[in-house]
Amino acid sequence: MSEDATPPAGTAICRLDEIGEPGARDFSFGSGSTRFELFLVRTDDAVRAYVNRCPHANQRLDARPGRFLTMDETRIICGGHAALFRIEDGLCTSGPCTGKHLESVPVEVTDGVVRIAAR
């Protein structure tokens, strides 16, 4: 996954109503060495986006495709080693990467569509 493959500001990701509340969903842009993967998390009408990569093992968070949240849907979980992250800021609160953050991707909702926002 390439950092320079981040979609430009204004790129539509999906409609807001395509994500459960609470819920999470993954998205990919590009392919091969320019592939960029992110996931959206929706809670209490807020939407946050993070790069789909664990800061500990540099692997996808969803070892089970599309599964990003704990069973009670209050935390993000790494499927590889069960590290737990706060939804609101991506801070790891439990596991081998405690104190590190998921890489956030700025997003905004306009006219019911989630889009990449300017950094």
PDB file of N, CA and C in Angstrom:
ATOM      1  N   MET A   1       0.847  -1.169   0.000  1.00  0.00           N
ATOM      2  CA  MET A   1       0.000   0.000   0.000  1.00  0.00           C
ATOM      3  C   MET A   1       0.891   1.230   0.000  1.00  0.00           C
ATOM      4  N   SER A   2       0.594   2.151  -0.857  1.00  0.00           N
ATOM      5  CA  SER A   2       1.422   3.327  -1.040  1.00  0.00           C
ATOM      6  C   SER A   2       0.766   4.557  -0.441  1.00  0.00           C
ATOM      7  N   GLU A   3       1.531   5.322   0.339  1.00  0.00           N
ATOM      8  CA  GLU A   3       1.018   6.558   0.925  1.00  0.00           C
ATOM      9  C   GLU A   3       0.678   7.576  -0.157  1.00  0.00           C
ATOM     10  N   ASP A   4       1.458   7.614  -1.255  1.00  0.00           N
ATOM     11  CA  ASP A   4       1.188   8.602  -2.290  1.00  0.00           C
ATOM     12  C   ASP A   4      -0.031   8.233  -3.118  1.00  0.00           C
ATOM     13  N   ALA A   5      -0.671   7.129  -2.814  1.00  0.00           N
ATOM     14  CA  ALA A   5      -1.881   6.713  -3.511  1.00  0.00           C
ATOM     15  C   ALA A   5      -3.137   7.205  -2.797  1.00  0.00           C
ATOM     16  N   THR A   6      -2.985   8.016  -1.746  1.00  0.00           N
ATOM     17  CA  THR A   6      -4.141   8.551  -1.050  1.00  0.00           C
ATOM     18  C   THR A   6      -5.013   9.295  -2.050  1.00  0.00           C
ATOM     19  N   PRO A   7      -6.285   8.971  -2.111  1.00  0.00           N
ATOM     20  CA  PRO A   7      -7.164   9.665  -3.057  1.00  0.00           C
ATOM     21  C   PRO A   7      -7.175  11.173  -2.789  1.00  0.00           C
ATOM     22  N   PRO A   8      -7.344  11.967  -3.816  1.00  0.00           N
ATOM     23  CA  PRO A   8      -7.346  13.421  -3.632  1.00  0.00           C
ATOM     24  C   PRO A   8      -8.593  13.903  -2.893  1.00  0.00           C
ATOM     25  N   ALA A   9      -8.485  15.077  -2.289  1.00  0.00           N
ATOM     26  CA  ALA A   9      -9.623  15.695  -1.606  1.00  0.00           C
ATOM     27  C   ALA A   9     -10.798  15.776  -2.573  1.00  0.00           C
ATOM     28  N   GLY A  10     -11.972  15.481  -2.060  1.00  0.00           N
ATOM     29  CA  GLY A  10     -13.181  15.517  -2.866  1.00  0.00           C
ATOM     30  C   GLY A  10     -13.596  14.164  -3.406  1.00  0.00           C
ATOM     31  N   THR A  11     -12.694  13.175  -3.333  1.00  0.00           N
ATOM     32  CA  THR A  11     -13.028  11.841  -3.827  1.00  0.00           C
ATOM     33  C   THR A  11     -14.173  11.253  -3.005  1.00  0.00           C
ATOM     34  N   ALA A  12     -15.222  10.820  -3.684  1.00  0.00           N
ATOM     35  CA  ALA A  12     -16.358  10.192  -3.007  1.00  0.00           C
ATOM     36  C   ALA A  12     -15.971   8.778  -2.587  1.00  0.00           C
ATOM     37  N   ILE A  13     -16.306   8.428  -1.340  1.00  0.00           N
ATOM     38  CA  ILE A  13     -16.047   7.081  -0.838  1.00  0.00           C
ATOM     39  C   ILE A  13     -17.326   6.251  -0.894  1.00  0.00           C
ATOM     40  N   CYS A  14     -18.391   6.760  -0.306  1.00  0.00           N
ATOM     41  CA  CYS A  14     -19.687   6.072  -0.332  1.00  0.00           C
ATOM     42  C   CYS A  14     -20.747   7.012   0.209  1.00  0.00           C
ATOM     43  N   ARG A  15     -21.987   6.582   0.121  1.00  0.00           N
ATOM     44  CA  ARG A  15     -23.072   7.327   0.758  1.00  0.00           C
ATOM     45  C   ARG A  15     -23.046   7.006   2.254  1.00  0.00           C
ATOM     46  N   LEU A  16     -23.378   7.986   3.070  1.00  0.00           N
ATOM     47  CA  LEU A  16     -23.373   7.799   4.516  1.00  0.00           C
ATOM     48  C   LEU A  16     -24.308   6.661   4.921  1.00  0.00           C
ATOM     49  N   ASP A  17     -25.438   6.544   4.264  1.00  0.00           N
ATOM     50  CA  ASP A  17     -26.405   5.509   4.652  1.00  0.00           C
ATOM     51  C   ASP A  17     -25.975   4.095   4.253  1.00  0.00           C
ATOM     52  N   GLU A  18     -24.812   3.955   3.622  1.00  0.00           N
ATOM     53  CA  GLU A  18     -24.272   2.630   3.297  1.00  0.00           C
ATOM     54  C   GLU A  18     -23.431   2.050   4.433  1.00  0.00           C
ATOM     55  N   ILE A  19     -23.309   2.810   5.531  1.00  0.00           N
ATOM     56  CA  ILE A  19     -22.548   2.361   6.696  1.00  0.00           C
ATOM     57  C   ILE A  19     -23.513   2.263   7.862  1.00  0.00           C
ATOM     58  N   GLY A  20     -23.523   1.119   8.540  1.00  0.00           N
ATOM     59  CA  GLY A  20     -24.397   0.966   9.702  1.00  0.00           C
ATOM     60  C   GLY A  20     -24.050   1.973  10.777  1.00  0.00           C
ATOM     61  N   GLU A  21     -24.955   2.133  11.743  1.00  0.00           N
ATOM     62  CA  GLU A  21     -24.698   3.042  12.859  1.00  0.00           C
ATOM     63  C   GLU A  21     -25.013   2.329  14.162  1.00  0.00           C
ATOM     64  N   PRO A  22     -24.035   1.878  14.918  1.00  0.00           N
ATOM     65  CA  PRO A  22     -22.602   1.941  14.574  1.00  0.00           C
ATOM     66  C   PRO A  22     -22.257   0.897  13.515  1.00  0.00           C
ATOM     67  N   GLY A  23     -21.151   1.144  12.851  1.00  0.00           N
ATOM     68  CA  GLY A  23     -20.705   0.205  11.839  1.00  0.00           C
ATOM     69  C   GLY A  23     -19.384   0.629  11.236  1.00  0.00           C
ATOM     70  N   ALA A  24     -18.814  -0.250  10.432  1.00  0.00           N
ATOM     71  CA  ALA A  24     -17.540   0.022   9.780  1.00  0.00           C
ATOM     72  C   ALA A  24     -17.542  -0.669   8.419  1.00  0.00           C
ATOM     73  N   ARG A  25     -16.803  -0.106   7.505  1.00  0.00           N
ATOM     74  CA  ARG A  25     -16.724  -0.674   6.156  1.00  0.00           C
ATOM     75  C   ARG A  25     -15.385  -0.299   5.529  1.00  0.00           C
ATOM     76  N   ASP A  26     -14.810  -1.228   4.759  1.00  0.00           N
ATOM     77  CA  ASP A  26     -13.512  -0.982   4.140  1.00  0.00           C
ATOM     78  C   ASP A  26     -13.664  -0.586   2.667  1.00  0.00           C
ATOM     79  N   PHE A  27     -12.644   0.135   2.172  1.00  0.00           N
ATOM     80  CA  PHE A  27     -12.618   0.615   0.796  1.00  0.00           C
ATOM     81  C   PHE A  27     -11.187   0.566   0.291  1.00  0.00           C
ATOM     82  N   SER A  28     -11.034   0.296  -0.998  1.00  0.00           N
ATOM     83  CA  SER A  28      -9.710   0.274  -1.635  1.00  0.00           C
ATOM     84  C   SER A  28      -9.730   1.187  -2.844  1.00  0.00           C
ATOM     85  N   PHE A  29      -8.612   1.849  -3.071  1.00  0.00           N
ATOM     86  CA  PHE A  29      -8.436   2.716  -4.225  1.00  0.00           C
ATOM     87  C   PHE A  29      -7.142   2.303  -4.916  1.00  0.00           C
ATOM     88  N   GLY A  30      -7.145   2.260  -6.230  1.00  0.00           N
ATOM     89  CA  GLY A  30      -5.948   1.889  -6.975  1.00  0.00           C
ATOM     90  C   GLY A  30      -5.709   0.393  -6.924  1.00  0.00           C
ATOM     91  N   SER A  31      -4.531  -0.012  -7.414  1.00  0.00           N
ATOM     92  CA  SER A  31      -4.174  -1.428  -7.410  1.00  0.00           C
ATOM     93  C   SER A  31      -2.658  -1.570  -7.363  1.00  0.00           C
ATOM     94  N   GLY A  32      -2.221  -2.796  -7.106  1.00  0.00           N
ATOM     95  CA  GLY A  32      -0.786  -3.082  -7.057  1.00  0.00           C
ATOM     96  C   GLY A  32      -0.062  -2.211  -6.054  1.00  0.00           C
ATOM     97  N   SER A  33       1.068  -1.657  -6.459  1.00  0.00           N
ATOM     98  CA  SER A  33       1.888  -0.855  -5.545  1.00  0.00           C
ATOM     99  C   SER A  33       1.254   0.494  -5.219  1.00  0.00           C
ATOM    100  N   THR A  34       0.215   0.883  -5.952  1.00  0.00           N
ATOM    101  CA  THR A  34      -0.455   2.152  -5.665  1.00  0.00           C
ATOM    102  C   THR A  34      -1.792   1.949  -4.953  1.00  0.00           C
ATOM    103  N   ARG A  35      -2.026   0.748  -4.466  1.00  0.00           N
ATOM    104  CA  ARG A  35      -3.275   0.452  -3.752  1.00  0.00           C
ATOM    105  C   ARG A  35      -3.297   1.202  -2.422  1.00  0.00           C
ATOM    106  N   PHE A  36      -4.440   1.808  -2.116  1.00  0.00           N
ATOM    107  CA  PHE A  36      -4.628   2.518  -0.846  1.00  0.00           C
ATOM    108  C   PHE A  36      -5.892   1.973  -0.206  1.00  0.00           C
ATOM    109  N   GLU A  37      -5.783   1.511   1.038  1.00  0.00           N
ATOM    110  CA  GLU A  37      -6.904   0.896   1.740  1.00  0.00           C
ATOM    111  C   GLU A  37      -7.241   1.684   2.996  1.00  0.00           C
ATOM    112  N   LEU A  38      -8.518   1.975   3.143  1.00  0.00           N
ATOM    113  CA  LEU A  38      -8.979   2.669   4.336  1.00  0.00           C
ATOM    114  C   LEU A  38     -10.279   2.043   4.792  1.00  0.00           C
ATOM    115  N   PHE A  39     -10.693   2.395   6.003  1.00  0.00           N
ATOM    116  CA  PHE A  39     -12.004   1.966   6.468  1.00  0.00           C
ATOM    117  C   PHE A  39     -12.676   3.131   7.163  1.00  0.00           C
ATOM    118  N   LEU A  40     -13.990   3.143   7.071  1.00  0.00           N
ATOM    119  CA  LEU A  40     -14.806   4.155   7.729  1.00  0.00           C
ATOM    120  C   LEU A  40     -15.477   3.540   8.933  1.00  0.00           C
ATOM    121  N   VAL A  41     -15.611   4.336   9.995  1.00  0.00           N
ATOM    122  CA  VAL A  41     -16.335   3.917  11.192  1.00  0.00           C
ATOM    123  C   VAL A  41     -17.383   4.988  11.465  1.00  0.00           C
ATOM    124  N   ARG A  42     -18.616   4.549  11.647  1.00  0.00           N
ATOM    125  CA  ARG A  42     -19.709   5.487  11.919  1.00  0.00           C
ATOM    126  C   ARG A  42     -20.291   5.196  13.286  1.00  0.00           C
ATOM    127  N   THR A  43     -20.339   6.233  14.127  1.00  0.00           N
ATOM    128  CA  THR A  43     -20.971   6.141  15.444  1.00  0.00           C
ATOM    129  C   THR A  43     -21.608   7.483  15.751  1.00  0.00           C
ATOM    130  N   ASP A  44     -22.775   7.461  16.340  1.00  0.00           N
ATOM    131  CA  ASP A  44     -23.457   8.690  16.769  1.00  0.00           C
ATOM    132  C   ASP A  44     -23.426   9.782  15.709  1.00  0.00           C
ATOM    133  N   ASP A  45     -23.675   9.426  14.467  1.00  0.00           N
ATOM    134  CA  ASP A  45     -23.678  10.348  13.328  1.00  0.00           C
ATOM    135  C   ASP A  45     -22.313  10.960  13.020  1.00  0.00           C
ATOM    136  N   ALA A  46     -21.246  10.472  13.623  1.00  0.00           N
ATOM    137  CA  ALA A  46     -19.889  10.904  13.274  1.00  0.00           C
ATOM    138  C   ALA A  46     -19.256   9.822  12.406  1.00  0.00           C
ATOM    139  N   VAL A  47     -18.475  10.242  11.435  1.00  0.00           N
ATOM    140  CA  VAL A  47     -17.765   9.299  10.573  1.00  0.00           C
ATOM    141  C   VAL A  47     -16.282   9.605  10.668  1.00  0.00           C
ATOM    142  N   ARG A  48     -15.511   8.560  10.893  1.00  0.00           N
ATOM    143  CA  ARG A  48     -14.058   8.685  10.947  1.00  0.00           C
ATOM    144  C   ARG A  48     -13.457   7.704   9.960  1.00  0.00           C
ATOM    145  N   ALA A  49     -12.275   8.047   9.442  1.00  0.00           N
ATOM    146  CA  ALA A  49     -11.604   7.158   8.489  1.00  0.00           C
ATOM    147  C   ALA A  49     -10.176   6.924   8.957  1.00  0.00           C
ATOM    148  N   TYR A  50      -9.731   5.688   8.769  1.00  0.00           N
ATOM    149  CA  TYR A  50      -8.364   5.308   9.121  1.00  0.00           C
ATOM    150  C   TYR A  50      -7.787   4.449   8.011  1.00  0.00           C
ATOM    151  N   VAL A  51      -6.460   4.524   7.857  1.00  0.00           N
ATOM    152  CA  VAL A  51      -5.760   3.625   6.947  1.00  0.00           C
ATOM    153  C   VAL A  51      -5.912   2.220   7.521  1.00  0.00           C
ATOM    154  N   ASN A  52      -6.198   1.251   6.672  1.00  0.00           N
ATOM    155  CA  ASN A  52      -6.412  -0.128   7.118  1.00  0.00           C
ATOM    156  C   ASN A  52      -5.057  -0.819   7.318  1.00  0.00           C
ATOM    157  N   ARG A  53      -4.373  -0.397   8.381  1.00  0.00           N
ATOM    158  CA  ARG A  53      -3.055  -0.956   8.681  1.00  0.00           C
ATOM    159  C   ARG A  53      -2.786  -0.819  10.180  1.00  0.00           C
ATOM    160  N   CYS A  54      -2.400  -1.912  10.792  1.00  0.00           N
ATOM    161  CA  CYS A  54      -2.067  -1.917  12.215  1.00  0.00           C
ATOM    162  C   CYS A  54      -0.694  -1.279  12.427  1.00  0.00           C
ATOM    163  N   PRO A  55      -0.557  -0.371  13.392  1.00  0.00           N
ATOM    164  CA  PRO A  55       0.747   0.252  13.629  1.00  0.00           C
ATOM    165  C   PRO A  55       1.777  -0.704  14.232  1.00  0.00           C
ATOM    166  N   HIS A  56       1.339  -1.851  14.724  1.00  0.00           N
ATOM    167  CA  HIS A  56       2.257  -2.820  15.319  1.00  0.00           C
ATOM    168  C   HIS A  56       2.865  -3.733  14.262  1.00  0.00           C
ATOM    169  N   ALA A  57       2.025  -4.364  13.467  1.00  0.00           N
ATOM    170  CA  ALA A  57       2.517  -5.393  12.558  1.00  0.00           C
ATOM    171  C   ALA A  57       2.460  -4.988  11.083  1.00  0.00           C
ATOM    172  N   ASN A  58       2.024  -3.762  10.808  1.00  0.00           N
ATOM    173  CA  ASN A  58       1.932  -3.265   9.431  1.00  0.00           C
ATOM    174  C   ASN A  58       1.092  -4.207   8.554  1.00  0.00           C
ATOM    175  N   GLN A  59       0.029  -4.746   9.139  1.00  0.00           N
ATOM    176  CA  GLN A  59      -0.864  -5.643   8.416  1.00  0.00           C
ATOM    177  C   GLN A  59      -2.273  -5.055   8.454  1.00  0.00           C
ATOM    178  N   ARG A  60      -3.147  -5.583   7.604  1.00  0.00           N
ATOM    179  CA  ARG A  60      -4.549  -5.145   7.622  1.00  0.00           C
ATOM    180  C   ARG A  60      -5.151  -5.405   8.998  1.00  0.00           C
ATOM    181  N   LEU A  61      -6.022  -4.531   9.432  1.00  0.00           N
ATOM    182  CA  LEU A  61      -6.695  -4.725  10.713  1.00  0.00           C
ATOM    183  C   LEU A  61      -7.762  -5.809  10.643  1.00  0.00           C
ATOM    184  N   ASP A  62      -8.398  -5.937   9.505  1.00  0.00           N
ATOM    185  CA  ASP A  62      -9.509  -6.883   9.389  1.00  0.00           C
ATOM    186  C   ASP A  62      -9.038  -8.245   8.872  1.00  0.00           C
ATOM    187  N   ALA A  63      -8.466  -9.027   9.773  1.00  0.00           N
ATOM    188  CA  ALA A  63      -8.051 -10.383   9.405  1.00  0.00           C
ATOM    189  C   ALA A  63      -9.269 -11.168   8.918  1.00  0.00           C
ATOM    190  N   ARG A  64     -10.434 -10.848   9.453  1.00  0.00           N
ATOM    191  CA  ARG A  64     -11.715 -11.360   8.943  1.00  0.00           C
ATOM    192  C   ARG A  64     -12.283 -10.210   8.124  1.00  0.00           C
ATOM    193  N   PRO A  65     -12.330 -10.344   6.818  1.00  0.00           N
ATOM    194  CA  PRO A  65     -12.716  -9.227   5.944  1.00  0.00           C
ATOM    195  C   PRO A  65     -13.954  -8.466   6.413  1.00  0.00           C
ATOM    196  N   GLY A  66     -13.784  -7.151   6.502  1.00  0.00           N
ATOM    197  CA  GLY A  66     -14.877  -6.272   6.886  1.00  0.00           C
ATOM    198  C   GLY A  66     -15.153  -6.173   8.372  1.00  0.00           C
ATOM    199  N   ARG A  67     -14.421  -6.917   9.196  1.00  0.00           N
ATOM    200  CA  ARG A  67     -14.659  -6.869  10.646  1.00  0.00           C
ATOM    201  C   ARG A  67     -13.618  -5.956  11.299  1.00  0.00           C
ATOM    202  N   PHE A  68     -14.087  -4.808  11.768  1.00  0.00           N
ATOM    203  CA  PHE A  68     -13.202  -3.821  12.386  1.00  0.00           C
ATOM    204  C   PHE A  68     -13.562  -3.516  13.826  1.00  0.00           C
ATOM    205  N   LEU A  69     -14.790  -3.816  14.234  1.00  0.00           N
ATOM    206  CA  LEU A  69     -15.249  -3.421  15.559  1.00  0.00           C
ATOM    207  C   LEU A  69     -15.363  -4.618  16.491  1.00  0.00           C
ATOM    208  N   THR A  70     -15.207  -4.343  17.783  1.00  0.00           N
ATOM    209  CA  THR A  70     -15.415  -5.371  18.797  1.00  0.00           C
ATOM    210  C   THR A  70     -16.888  -5.790  18.773  1.00  0.00           C
ATOM    211  N   MET A  71     -17.200  -6.881  19.424  1.00  0.00           N
ATOM    212  CA  MET A  71     -18.574  -7.394  19.431  1.00  0.00           C
ATOM    213  C   MET A  71     -19.567  -6.357  19.955  1.00  0.00           C
ATOM    214  N   ASP A  72     -19.155  -5.550  20.951  1.00  0.00           N
ATOM    215  CA  ASP A  72     -20.065  -4.533  21.494  1.00  0.00           C
ATOM    216  C   ASP A  72     -20.001  -3.219  20.706  1.00  0.00           C
ATOM    217  N   GLU A  73     -19.207  -3.198  19.642  1.00  0.00           N
ATOM    218  CA  GLU A  73     -19.088  -2.064  18.716  1.00  0.00           C
ATOM    219  C   GLU A  73     -18.629  -0.775  19.381  1.00  0.00           C
ATOM    220  N   THR A  74     -17.794  -0.892  20.431  1.00  0.00           N
ATOM    221  CA  THR A  74     -17.303   0.301  21.119  1.00  0.00           C
ATOM    222  C   THR A  74     -15.825   0.583  20.850  1.00  0.00           C
ATOM    223  N   ARG A  75     -15.126  -0.337  20.217  1.00  0.00           N
ATOM    224  CA  ARG A  75     -13.695  -0.187  19.922  1.00  0.00           C
ATOM    225  C   ARG A  75     -13.393  -0.779  18.556  1.00  0.00           C
ATOM    226  N   ILE A  76     -12.280  -0.344  17.982  1.00  0.00           N
ATOM    227  CA  ILE A  76     -11.733  -0.957  16.769  1.00  0.00           C
ATOM    228  C   ILE A  76     -10.808  -2.065  17.249  1.00  0.00           C
ATOM    229  N   ILE A  77     -10.832  -3.209  16.580  1.00  0.00           N
ATOM    230  CA  ILE A  77      -9.983  -4.329  16.980  1.00  0.00           C
ATOM    231  C   ILE A  77      -9.120  -4.785  15.809  1.00  0.00           C
ATOM    232  N   CYS A  78      -7.879  -5.114  16.091  1.00  0.00           N
ATOM    233  CA  CYS A  78      -6.997  -5.702  15.089  1.00  0.00           C
ATOM    234  C   CYS A  78      -7.233  -7.203  15.107  1.00  0.00           C
ATOM    235  N   GLY A  79      -7.639  -7.743  13.981  1.00  0.00           N
ATOM    236  CA  GLY A  79      -7.918  -9.164  13.891  1.00  0.00           C
ATOM    237  C   GLY A  79      -6.676 -10.027  13.984  1.00  0.00           C
ATOM    238  N   GLY A  80      -5.499  -9.437  13.797  1.00  0.00           N
ATOM    239  CA  GLY A  80      -4.263 -10.203  13.847  1.00  0.00           C
ATOM    240  C   GLY A  80      -3.780 -10.507  15.252  1.00  0.00           C
ATOM    241  N   HIS A  81      -3.932  -9.542  16.168  1.00  0.00           N
ATOM    242  CA  HIS A  81      -3.426  -9.778  17.518  1.00  0.00           C
ATOM    243  C   HIS A  81      -4.299  -9.142  18.601  1.00  0.00           C
ATOM    244  N   ALA A  82      -5.517  -8.761  18.247  1.00  0.00           N
ATOM    245  CA  ALA A  82      -6.539  -8.283  19.188  1.00  0.00           C
ATOM    246  C   ALA A  82      -6.203  -6.977  19.889  1.00  0.00           C
ATOM    247  N   ALA A  83      -5.331  -6.154  19.311  1.00  0.00           N
ATOM    248  CA  ALA A  83      -5.109  -4.823  19.865  1.00  0.00           C
ATOM    249  C   ALA A  83      -6.413  -4.041  19.758  1.00  0.00           C
ATOM    250  N   LEU A  84      -6.678  -3.195  20.748  1.00  0.00           N
ATOM    251  CA  LEU A  84      -7.903  -2.399  20.776  1.00  0.00           C
ATOM    252  C   LEU A  84      -7.576  -0.920  20.594  1.00  0.00           C
ATOM    253  N   PHE A  85      -8.388  -0.241  19.803  1.00  0.00           N
ATOM    254  CA  PHE A  85      -8.193   1.168  19.483  1.00  0.00           C
ATOM    255  C   PHE A  85      -9.476   1.936  19.763  1.00  0.00           C
ATOM    256  N   ARG A  86      -9.338   3.171  20.257  1.00  0.00           N
ATOM    257  CA  ARG A  86     -10.503   4.029  20.434  1.00  0.00           C
ATOM    258  C   ARG A  86     -11.015   4.462  19.065  1.00  0.00           C
ATOM    259  N   ILE A  87     -12.314   4.479  18.898  1.00  0.00           N
ATOM    260  CA  ILE A  87     -12.902   4.899  17.633  1.00  0.00           C
ATOM    261  C   ILE A  87     -12.655   6.379  17.390  1.00  0.00           C
ATOM    262  N   GLU A  88     -12.777   7.195  18.418  1.00  0.00           N
ATOM    263  CA  GLU A  88     -12.725   8.647  18.233  1.00  0.00           C
ATOM    264  C   GLU A  88     -11.379   9.194  17.779  1.00  0.00           C
ATOM    265  N   ASP A  89     -10.275   8.514  18.097  1.00  0.00           N
ATOM    266  CA  ASP A  89      -8.971   9.059  17.693  1.00  0.00           C
ATOM    267  C   ASP A  89      -7.956   7.995  17.271  1.00  0.00           C
ATOM    268  N   GLY A  90      -8.350   6.716  17.251  1.00  0.00           N
ATOM    269  CA  GLY A  90      -7.467   5.651  16.795  1.00  0.00           C
ATOM    270  C   GLY A  90      -6.346   5.290  17.753  1.00  0.00           C
ATOM    271  N   LEU A  91      -6.402   5.748  19.000  1.00  0.00           N
ATOM    272  CA  LEU A  91      -5.362   5.428  19.985  1.00  0.00           C
ATOM    273  C   LEU A  91      -5.481   3.983  20.425  1.00  0.00           C
ATOM    274  N   CYS A  92      -4.369   3.260  20.397  1.00  0.00           N
ATOM    275  CA  CYS A  92      -4.348   1.882  20.876  1.00  0.00           C
ATOM    276  C   CYS A  92      -4.324   1.901  22.402  1.00  0.00           C
ATOM    277  N   THR A  93      -5.308   1.245  23.002  1.00  0.00           N
ATOM    278  CA  THR A  93      -5.433   1.221  24.453  1.00  0.00           C
ATOM    279  C   THR A  93      -5.081  -0.127  25.061  1.00  0.00           C
ATOM    280  N   SER A  94      -4.903  -1.153  24.199  1.00  0.00           N
ATOM    281  CA  SER A  94      -4.584  -2.481  24.698  1.00  0.00           C
ATOM    282  C   SER A  94      -3.919  -3.284  23.587  1.00  0.00           C
ATOM    283  N   GLY A  95      -2.834  -3.973  23.942  1.00  0.00           N
ATOM    284  CA  GLY A  95      -2.139  -4.798  22.954  1.00  0.00           C
ATOM    285  C   GLY A  95      -0.708  -4.346  22.736  1.00  0.00           C
ATOM    286  N   PRO A  96      -0.014  -4.961  21.786  1.00  0.00           N
ATOM    287  CA  PRO A  96       1.409  -4.700  21.592  1.00  0.00           C
ATOM    288  C   PRO A  96       1.740  -3.311  21.034  1.00  0.00           C
ATOM    289  N   CYS A  97       0.732  -2.556  20.606  1.00  0.00           N
ATOM    290  CA  CYS A  97       1.014  -1.209  20.092  1.00  0.00           C
ATOM    291  C   CYS A  97       0.405  -0.141  20.988  1.00  0.00           C
ATOM    292  N   THR A  98       0.199  -0.450  22.266  1.00  0.00           N
ATOM    293  CA  THR A  98      -0.399   0.502  23.202  1.00  0.00           C
ATOM    294  C   THR A  98       0.322   1.845  23.115  1.00  0.00           C
ATOM    295  N   GLY A  99      -0.475   2.903  23.009  1.00  0.00           N
ATOM    296  CA  GLY A  99       0.066   4.260  22.933  1.00  0.00           C
ATOM    297  C   GLY A  99       0.249   4.764  21.507  1.00  0.00           C
ATOM    298  N   LYS A 100       0.223   3.867  20.522  1.00  0.00           N
ATOM    299  CA  LYS A 100       0.341   4.290  19.125  1.00  0.00           C
ATOM    300  C   LYS A 100      -1.055   4.561  18.565  1.00  0.00           C
ATOM    301  N   HIS A 101      -1.100   5.246  17.429  1.00  0.00           N
ATOM    302  CA  HIS A 101      -2.370   5.593  16.795  1.00  0.00           C
ATOM    303  C   HIS A 101      -2.504   4.965  15.419  1.00  0.00           C
ATOM    304  N   LEU A 102      -3.733   4.679  15.045  1.00  0.00           N
ATOM    305  CA  LEU A 102      -4.020   4.366  13.654  1.00  0.00           C
ATOM    306  C   LEU A 102      -3.819   5.661  12.864  1.00  0.00           C
ATOM    307  N   GLU A 103      -3.480   5.530  11.594  1.00  0.00           N
ATOM    308  CA  GLU A 103      -3.303   6.711  10.762  1.00  0.00           C
ATOM    309  C   GLU A 103      -4.669   7.182  10.270  1.00  0.00           C
ATOM    310  N   SER A 104      -5.040   8.391  10.650  1.00  0.00           N
ATOM    311  CA  SER A 104      -6.346   8.901  10.255  1.00  0.00           C
ATOM    312  C   SER A 104      -6.313   9.473   8.842  1.00  0.00           C
ATOM    313  N   VAL A 105      -7.469   9.453   8.213  1.00  0.00           N
ATOM    314  CA  VAL A 105      -7.663  10.028   6.884  1.00  0.00           C
ATOM    315  C   VAL A 105      -8.796  11.031   7.043  1.00  0.00           C
ATOM    316  N   PRO A 106      -8.586  12.300   6.694  1.00  0.00           N
ATOM    317  CA  PRO A 106      -9.664  13.278   6.873  1.00  0.00           C
ATOM    318  C   PRO A 106     -10.814  13.025   5.904  1.00  0.00           C
ATOM    319  N   VAL A 107     -12.031  13.035   6.444  1.00  0.00           N
ATOM    320  CA  VAL A 107     -13.227  12.867   5.620  1.00  0.00           C
ATOM    321  C   VAL A 107     -14.257  13.902   6.032  1.00  0.00           C
ATOM    322  N   GLU A 108     -15.206  14.143   5.128  1.00  0.00           N
ATOM    323  CA  GLU A 108     -16.315  15.035   5.401  1.00  0.00           C
ATOM    324  C   GLU A 108     -17.553  14.454   4.738  1.00  0.00           C
ATOM    325  N   VAL A 109     -18.708  14.829   5.243  1.00  0.00           N
ATOM    326  CA  VAL A 109     -19.956  14.380   4.657  1.00  0.00           C
ATOM    327  C   VAL A 109     -20.633  15.592   4.032  1.00  0.00           C
ATOM    328  N   THR A 110     -20.885  15.515   2.730  1.00  0.00           N
ATOM    329  CA  THR A 110     -21.591  16.576   2.024  1.00  0.00           C
ATOM    330  C   THR A 110     -22.712  15.949   1.207  1.00  0.00           C
ATOM    331  N   ASP A 111     -23.907  16.462   1.391  1.00  0.00           N
ATOM    332  CA  ASP A 111     -25.083  15.959   0.673  1.00  0.00           C
ATOM    333  C   ASP A 111     -25.238  14.452   0.821  1.00  0.00           C
ATOM    334  N   GLY A 112     -24.933  13.928   2.018  1.00  0.00           N
ATOM    335  CA  GLY A 112     -25.105  12.516   2.292  1.00  0.00           C
ATOM    336  C   GLY A 112     -24.026  11.613   1.746  1.00  0.00           C
ATOM    337  N   VAL A 113     -22.941  12.194   1.213  1.00  0.00           N
ATOM    338  CA  VAL A 113     -21.850  11.420   0.647  1.00  0.00           C
ATOM    339  C   VAL A 113     -20.579  11.653   1.468  1.00  0.00           C
ATOM    340  N   VAL A 114     -19.896  10.570   1.845  1.00  0.00           N
ATOM    341  CA  VAL A 114     -18.628  10.663   2.557  1.00  0.00           C
ATOM    342  C   VAL A 114     -17.528  10.852   1.520  1.00  0.00           C
ATOM    343  N   ARG A 115     -16.721  11.894   1.713  1.00  0.00           N
ATOM    344  CA  ARG A 115     -15.652  12.232   0.778  1.00  0.00           C
ATOM    345  C   ARG A 115     -14.337  12.445   1.518  1.00  0.00           C
ATOM    346  N   ILE A 116     -13.248  12.230   0.800  1.00  0.00           N
ATOM    347  CA  ILE A 116     -11.929  12.575   1.321  1.00  0.00           C
ATOM    348  C   ILE A 116     -11.896  14.098   1.481  1.00  0.00           C
ATOM    349  N   ALA A 117     -11.441  14.565   2.639  1.00  0.00           N
ATOM    350  CA  ALA A 117     -11.335  16.004   2.904  1.00  0.00           C
ATOM    351  C   ALA A 117      -9.893  16.447   2.705  1.00  0.00           C
ATOM    352  N   ALA A 118      -9.703  17.729   2.557  1.00  0.00           N
ATOM    353  CA  ALA A 118      -8.361  18.295   2.441  1.00  0.00           C
ATOM    354  C   ALA A 118      -7.622  18.093   3.763  1.00  0.00           C
ATOM    355  N   ARG A 119      -6.355  17.813   3.684  1.00  0.00           N
ATOM    356  CA  ARG A 119      -5.531  17.646   4.896  1.00  0.00           C
ATOM    357  C   ARG A 119      -5.125  18.974   5.446  1.00  0.00           C
TER     358      ARG A 119
END
